[in-house]
Amino acid sequence: MSPRPNVDLDRIRRELGSSVVSDLLDAQGLRHQCLGPGLAPLDRDDVIVGWAFPVTTQRMYDIPEKPFVGLIAALDEIGADEVFVTPTARAVDMAVWGELLSTACQVRGAAGAITDGLVRDTRQVRGLGFPVISAGTIPYDSMGRHEIVALRVSCVIDGVRIEPGDLLIGDCDGVVVVPERLVEATIAAAQEKRAGEVAFRTAVADGMPASEAFATFGVL
């Protein structure tokens, strides 16, 4: 893998969120970089910030002779600060994530998991403290319903292309995808905008009219 963009993931997690980063992508003309509505962390306070580790999946209708081959390979491959991304085309008949997958990724230092599908083992995953964003929950296993057939390959969720190494920021507002080539400039601009937002909020809370605060700080 090529060197990662030079950004502080912990600082991004503390100070930024999907909304302000989305604003800066909008400003660059990238107005469709957020996954669709309805995706939420199992714990509403969780924030996922990390590098995309996308996989390709295939629908199955029978239990294969050797299940989970691709999934196990992916669990052995994912690295520190990466986010396991599982596209399902919004499937509603299976859970594609759970306790054991979370445990395996957590041990390897992964930053979290994101899927447009459903998950299970909710209490256990919350207990691990491993952040997972999904479209909801269901008890059904994925065995015989889907298989991972490739890893570290681009995927598409809700019309948004996710490349390996893109920066993902997910929280209770949603998930935004920052193309790898734009990460450093986008995050620097987002941090500047966030500082302006804090100054705006403080000034208005202290009695400054919103019109004056907007003229002063240029954010709203």
Foldseek 3Di string as FASTA:
>chain_A
DDDFPDDDQVCCQVQHAPVLLQVLCVVVVNNPFFFDPQKAKLDQADKFKAWEKEFDKDFFQFFDPDAAPQVVVSLVPDAARYEYEYEDQADEPAAPDEQVSQVSNVVRHYRAYEYQYAHDNSVNSVVVVGIYIYNYYDPHHCGRTMYTDGIQAWDDGNNHIHHGGWIWIQHRVGIGTHGRVCVVVSVVVSSLLSVLVVVLVVVVVVPDDNVVSCVVSVHD
